[in-house]
C-alpha atoms as a PDB file:
ATOM      1  CA  MET A   1     -10.167  13.318  15.604  1.00  0.00           C
ATOM      2  CA  TYR A   2      -6.965  12.649  13.639  1.00  0.00           C
ATOM      3  CA  LEU A   3      -4.951  12.595  16.861  1.00  0.00           C
ATOM      4  CA  ILE A   4      -7.105   9.800  18.274  1.00  0.00           C
ATOM      5  CA  LEU A   5      -6.844   7.823  15.029  1.00  0.00           C
ATOM      6  CA  ILE A   6      -3.085   8.299  14.941  1.00  0.00           C
ATOM      7  CA  LEU A   7      -2.734   7.134  18.548  1.00  0.00           C
ATOM      8  CA  VAL A   8      -4.906   4.073  17.922  1.00  0.00           C
ATOM      9  CA  THR A   9      -2.931   3.313  14.766  1.00  0.00           C
ATOM     10  CA  LEU A  10       0.371   3.618  16.579  1.00  0.00           C
ATOM     11  CA  ALA A  11      -0.826   1.308  19.348  1.00  0.00           C
ATOM     12  CA  GLY A  12      -1.854  -1.250  16.740  1.00  0.00           C
ATOM     13  CA  LEU A  13       1.476  -0.931  14.956  1.00  0.00           C
ATOM     14  CA  ILE A  14       3.433  -1.481  18.153  1.00  0.00           C
ATOM     15  CA  PHE A  15       1.349  -4.527  19.051  1.00  0.00           C
ATOM     16  CA  LEU A  16       1.588  -6.082  15.586  1.00  0.00           C
ATOM     17  CA  ALA A  17       5.264  -5.267  15.042  1.00  0.00           C
ATOM     18  CA  THR A  18       6.231  -8.304  17.105  1.00  0.00           C
ATOM     19  CA  LYS A  19       4.727 -10.622  14.454  1.00  0.00           C
ATOM     20  CA  HIS A  20       7.000  -9.528  11.579  1.00  0.00           C
ATOM     21  CA  ASN A  21      10.596 -10.172  10.552  1.00  0.00           C
ATOM     22  CA  ALA A  22      13.299  -7.570  11.159  1.00  0.00           C
ATOM     23  CA  GLU A  23      12.976  -5.866   7.768  1.00  0.00           C
ATOM     24  CA  ASP A  24       9.190  -5.633   8.119  1.00  0.00           C
ATOM     25  CA  LYS A  25       9.566  -4.249  11.639  1.00  0.00           C
ATOM     26  CA  LYS A  26      11.830  -1.536  10.250  1.00  0.00           C
ATOM     27  CA  LEU A  27       9.224  -0.692   7.607  1.00  0.00           C
ATOM     28  CA  ILE A  28       6.520  -0.507  10.272  1.00  0.00           C
ATOM     29  CA  GLU A  29       8.657   1.737  12.460  1.00  0.00           C
ATOM     30  CA  ASN A  30       9.266   4.052   9.516  1.00  0.00           C
ATOM     31  CA  ALA A  31       5.559   4.017   8.743  1.00  0.00           C
ATOM     32  CA  LYS A  32       4.763   5.064  12.313  1.00  0.00           C
ATOM     33  CA  LYS A  33       7.081   8.042  11.966  1.00  0.00           C
ATOM     34  CA  GLU A  34       5.549   8.857   8.622  1.00  0.00           C
ATOM     35  CA  ILE A  35       2.018   8.829  10.013  1.00  0.00           C
ATOM     36  CA  ASP A  36       3.013  11.432  12.579  1.00  0.00           C
ATOM     37  CA  LYS A  37       4.507  13.677   9.913  1.00  0.00           C
ATOM     38  CA  LEU A  38       1.818  12.934   7.419  1.00  0.00           C
ATOM     39  CA  TYR A  39      -1.184  14.134   9.331  1.00  0.00           C
ATOM     40  CA  ALA A  40       0.596  16.908  11.179  1.00  0.00           C
ATOM     41  CA  ILE A  41       2.450  18.551   8.326  1.00  0.00           C
ATOM     42  CA  THR A  42       2.938  16.892   4.957  1.00  0.00           C
ATOM     43  CA  ALA A  43      -0.185  15.309   3.468  1.00  0.00           C
ATOM     44  CA  PRO A  44      -2.607  18.232   3.593  1.00  0.00           C
ATOM     45  CA  SER A  45      -0.267  20.345   1.466  1.00  0.00           C
ATOM     46  CA  MET A  46       0.592  17.725  -1.185  1.00  0.00           C
ATOM     47  CA  THR A  47      -1.201  17.066  -4.445  1.00  0.00           C
ATOM     48  CA  LEU A  48      -1.944  13.455  -5.342  1.00  0.00           C
ATOM     49  CA  ASP A  49       0.901  13.433  -7.873  1.00  0.00           C
ATOM     50  CA  GLU A  50       3.333  14.773  -5.264  1.00  0.00           C
ATOM     51  CA  LEU A  51       2.111  12.253  -2.708  1.00  0.00           C
ATOM     52  CA  ILE A  52       2.573   9.332  -5.116  1.00  0.00           C
ATOM     53  CA  LYS A  53       6.081  10.498  -5.988  1.00  0.00           C
ATOM     54  CA  TYR A  54       6.969  11.017  -2.320  1.00  0.00           C
ATOM     55  CA  LYS A  55       5.665   7.625  -1.144  1.00  0.00           C
ATOM     56  CA  ALA A  56       7.254   5.743  -4.042  1.00  0.00           C
ATOM     57  CA  GLY A  57      10.613   7.388  -3.350  1.00  0.00           C
ATOM     58  CA  LYS A  58      10.394   6.831   0.381  1.00  0.00           C
ATOM     59  CA  TYR A  59       9.946   3.075  -0.014  1.00  0.00           C
ATOM     60  CA  GLY A  60      12.076   2.529  -3.114  1.00  0.00           C
ATOM     61  CA  ILE A  61       9.098   1.673  -5.298  1.00  0.00           C
ATOM     62  CA  GLU A  62       9.217   2.630  -8.957  1.00  0.00           C
ATOM     63  CA  GLU A  63       6.803   5.509  -9.347  1.00  0.00           C
ATOM     64  CA  ARG A  64       5.560   4.099 -12.632  1.00  0.00           C
ATOM     65  CA  LEU A  65       4.758   0.770 -10.940  1.00  0.00           C
ATOM     66  CA  LEU A  66       2.795   2.495  -8.195  1.00  0.00           C
ATOM     67  CA  ARG A  67       0.940   4.615 -10.761  1.00  0.00           C
ATOM     68  CA  ALA A  68       0.157   1.569 -12.917  1.00  0.00           C
ATOM     69  CA  ILE A  69      -1.270  -0.283  -9.911  1.00  0.00           C
ATOM     70  CA  ILE A  70      -3.360   2.745  -8.932  1.00  0.00           C
ATOM     71  CA  LYS A  71      -4.644   3.059 -12.513  1.00  0.00           C
ATOM     72  CA  VAL A  72      -5.780  -0.576 -12.601  1.00  0.00           C
ATOM     73  CA  GLU A  73      -7.059  -0.704  -9.014  1.00  0.00           C
ATOM     74  CA  SER A  74      -9.040   2.554  -8.871  1.00  0.00           C
ATOM     75  CA  ASP A  75      -8.349   4.682 -11.945  1.00  0.00           C
ATOM     76  CA  PHE A  76      -6.930   7.261  -9.487  1.00  0.00           C
ATOM     77  CA  ASN A  77     -10.221   7.498  -7.560  1.00  0.00           C
ATOM     78  CA  PRO A  78      -9.481   7.768  -3.801  1.00  0.00           C
ATOM     79  CA  GLN A  79     -13.129   6.897  -3.069  1.00  0.00           C
ATOM     80  CA  ALA A  80     -13.096   3.625  -5.049  1.00  0.00           C
ATOM     81  CA  LYS A  81     -14.642   0.694  -3.226  1.00  0.00           C
ATOM     82  CA  ASN A  82     -14.802  -2.995  -4.080  1.00  0.00           C
ATOM     83  CA  LEU A  83     -17.478  -4.689  -1.997  1.00  0.00           C
ATOM     84  CA  LYS A  84     -16.411  -8.152  -3.147  1.00  0.00           C
ATOM     85  CA  ASP A  85     -13.086  -8.122  -1.260  1.00  0.00           C
ATOM     86  CA  PRO A  86     -13.783  -5.566   0.408  1.00  0.00           C
ATOM     87  CA  SER A  87     -11.054  -3.127  -0.529  1.00  0.00           C
ATOM     88  CA  TYR A  88     -10.863   0.649  -0.470  1.00  0.00           C
ATOM     89  CA  GLY A  89      -9.182   3.691  -1.927  1.00  0.00           C
ATOM     90  CA  LEU A  90      -6.535   4.382  -4.531  1.00  0.00           C
ATOM     91  CA  CYS A  91      -4.660   1.109  -4.130  1.00  0.00           C
ATOM     92  CA  GLN A  92      -7.713  -0.947  -3.119  1.00  0.00           C
ATOM     93  CA  ILE A  93      -6.381  -1.887   0.301  1.00  0.00           C
ATOM     94  CA  ASN A  94      -8.150  -4.736   2.054  1.00  0.00           C
ATOM     95  CA  PRO A  95      -8.623  -4.180   5.824  1.00  0.00           C
ATOM     96  CA  ALA A  96      -7.119  -7.608   6.563  1.00  0.00           C
ATOM     97  CA  LEU A  97      -3.963  -6.660   4.644  1.00  0.00           C
ATOM     98  CA  ALA A  98      -3.767  -3.341   6.487  1.00  0.00           C
ATOM     99  CA  LYS A  99      -4.097  -5.097   9.831  1.00  0.00           C
ATOM    100  CA  GLY A 100      -1.563  -7.758   8.850  1.00  0.00           C
ATOM    101  CA  LEU A 101       0.959  -5.060   8.016  1.00  0.00           C
ATOM    102  CA  GLY A 102       0.389  -3.362  11.353  1.00  0.00           C
ATOM    103  CA  PHE A 103      -1.948  -0.581  10.276  1.00  0.00           C
ATOM    104  CA  PHE A 104      -5.311   0.328  11.736  1.00  0.00           C
ATOM    105  CA  PRO A 105      -7.836  -1.191   9.278  1.00  0.00           C
ATOM    106  CA  ASP A 106     -10.478   1.509   9.489  1.00  0.00           C
ATOM    107  CA  GLU A 107     -12.533   2.007   6.301  1.00  0.00           C
ATOM    108  CA  TYR A 108     -12.512   5.781   6.770  1.00  0.00           C
ATOM    109  CA  LEU A 109      -8.705   5.859   6.951  1.00  0.00           C
ATOM    110  CA  LEU A 110      -8.336   3.530   3.976  1.00  0.00           C
ATOM    111  CA  TYR A 111     -10.017   6.152   1.794  1.00  0.00           C
ATOM    112  CA  ASP A 112      -7.372   8.695   2.777  1.00  0.00           C
ATOM    113  CA  PRO A 113      -4.857   8.815  -0.118  1.00  0.00           C
ATOM    114  CA  ALA A 114      -1.807   9.322   2.099  1.00  0.00           C
ATOM    115  CA  TYR A 115      -2.735   6.463   4.433  1.00  0.00           C
ATOM    116  CA  ASN A 116      -3.724   4.185   1.548  1.00  0.00           C
ATOM    117  CA  LEU A 117      -0.479   4.855  -0.316  1.00  0.00           C
ATOM    118  CA  GLU A 118       1.556   4.291   2.843  1.00  0.00           C
ATOM    119  CA  ILE A 119       0.078   0.812   3.265  1.00  0.00           C
ATOM    120  CA  ALA A 120       0.443  -0.023  -0.431  1.00  0.00           C
ATOM    121  CA  CYS A 121       4.090   1.064  -0.466  1.00  0.00           C
ATOM    122  CA  VAL A 122       4.934  -0.897   2.684  1.00  0.00           C
ATOM    123  CA  PHE A 123       3.349  -3.962   1.071  1.00  0.00           C
ATOM    124  CA  LEU A 124       5.086  -3.424  -2.283  1.00  0.00           C
ATOM    125  CA  SER A 125       8.425  -2.948  -0.519  1.00  0.00           C
ATOM    126  CA  HIS A 126       7.896  -6.234   1.304  1.00  0.00           C
ATOM    127  CA  LEU A 127       6.969  -7.964  -1.976  1.00  0.00           C
ATOM    128  CA  LYS A 128      10.074  -6.541  -3.684  1.00  0.00           C
ATOM    129  CA  ARG A 129      12.289  -8.171  -1.057  1.00  0.00           C
ATOM    130  CA  LYS A 130      10.365 -11.430  -0.941  1.00  0.00           C
ATOM    131  CA  TYR A 131      10.335 -11.923  -4.717  1.00  0.00           C
ATOM    132  CA  ASN A 132      13.818 -10.509  -5.406  1.00  0.00           C
ATOM    133  CA  ASN A 133      12.531  -7.536  -7.414  1.00  0.00           C
ATOM    134  CA  ASP A 134      10.774  -9.808  -9.930  1.00  0.00           C
ATOM    135  CA  LEU A 135       8.195  -7.452 -11.451  1.00  0.00           C
ATOM    136  CA  ASP A 136       5.713 -10.137 -12.531  1.00  0.00           C
ATOM    137  CA  SER A 137       5.750 -11.779  -9.105  1.00  0.00           C
ATOM    138  CA  ILE A 138       5.369  -8.450  -7.289  1.00  0.00           C
ATOM    139  CA  ILE A 139       2.397  -7.428  -9.414  1.00  0.00           C
ATOM    140  CA  GLN A 140       0.616 -10.772  -9.138  1.00  0.00           C
ATOM    141  CA  ALA A 141       1.242 -11.127  -5.401  1.00  0.00           C
ATOM    142  CA  TYR A 142      -0.076  -7.586  -4.897  1.00  0.00           C
ATOM    143  CA  ASN A 143      -3.296  -8.547  -6.645  1.00  0.00           C
ATOM    144  CA  LEU A 144      -3.800 -12.066  -5.310  1.00  0.00           C
ATOM    145  CA  GLY A 145      -2.079 -11.850  -1.956  1.00  0.00           C
ATOM    146  CA  GLU A 146       1.068 -13.728  -1.089  1.00  0.00           C
ATOM    147  CA  THR A 147      -0.653 -16.925   0.027  1.00  0.00           C
ATOM    148  CA  LYS A 148      -2.546 -17.488  -3.219  1.00  0.00           C
ATOM    149  CA  PHE A 149       0.402 -16.469  -5.362  1.00  0.00           C
ATOM    150  CA  ASP A 150       2.777 -18.746  -3.440  1.00  0.00           C
ATOM    151  CA  LYS A 151       0.371 -21.645  -4.069  1.00  0.00           C
ATOM    152  CA  GLY A 152       0.862 -21.148  -7.806  1.00  0.00           C
ATOM    153  CA  ILE A 153      -2.300 -19.206  -8.590  1.00  0.00           C
ATOM    154  CA  LYS A 154      -1.696 -16.672 -11.352  1.00  0.00           C
ATOM    155  CA  SER A 155      -3.363 -13.396 -12.223  1.00  0.00           C
ATOM    156  CA  THR A 156      -2.404 -12.959 -15.858  1.00  0.00           C
ATOM    157  CA  ASP A 157      -5.160 -10.494 -16.814  1.00  0.00           C
ATOM    158  CA  TYR A 158      -4.218  -8.210 -13.922  1.00  0.00           C
ATOM    159  CA  LEU A 159      -0.522  -8.617 -14.721  1.00  0.00           C
ATOM    160  CA  GLU A 160      -1.066  -7.620 -18.355  1.00  0.00           C
ATOM    161  CA  LYS A 161      -3.126  -4.552 -17.406  1.00  0.00           C
ATOM    162  CA  VAL A 162      -0.583  -3.280 -14.875  1.00  0.00           C
ATOM    163  CA  LYS A 163       2.362  -3.920 -17.184  1.00  0.00           C
ATOM    164  CA  LYS A 164       0.595  -2.093 -20.024  1.00  0.00           C
ATOM    165  CA  TYR A 165       0.362   1.071 -17.884  1.00  0.00           C
ATOM    166  CA  TYR A 166       3.798   0.433 -16.367  1.00  0.00           C
ATOM    167  CA  TYR A 167       5.458   0.459 -19.798  1.00  0.00           C
ATOM    168  CA  GLN A 168       3.368   3.417 -20.949  1.00  0.00           C
ATOM    169  CA  GLY A 169       4.622   5.332 -17.914  1.00  0.00           C
ATOM    170  CA  ILE A 170       1.145   6.532 -17.005  1.00  0.00           C
END
């Protein structure tokens, strides 16, 4: 079952990789390699804490930022679901975001912590580059999406919550 999902995901990544800039293409290529390793070897043997640390390090995301986002988005519940968006899993990944980043937007996969964290870290890495490591911009764009944030819409409540946990080092 996982092999079929991995193959479908890889096909989607290859197809969608042509719609991204060079840095995003590199991220997607790395993600493809990670998916192979992830389901074959790594993820089943990692705890959630180890997985968060690994993914954050792999993509150059501050672990405390990733943990703060997870705390606000799902309170560390991999089965969290927001029907309003819809969004799923630890980092509350929206299927449209997953697809836009070149990932297979299957609800079942989005509940998988390793897959969910992979997508979140690719997105956060992209946001870090786009907003020149500006923490407030990264956090708000993660919550709102780039389009809304770039139009000047702000998410101050979300920003305050994430920064509270970020500075606490949750």
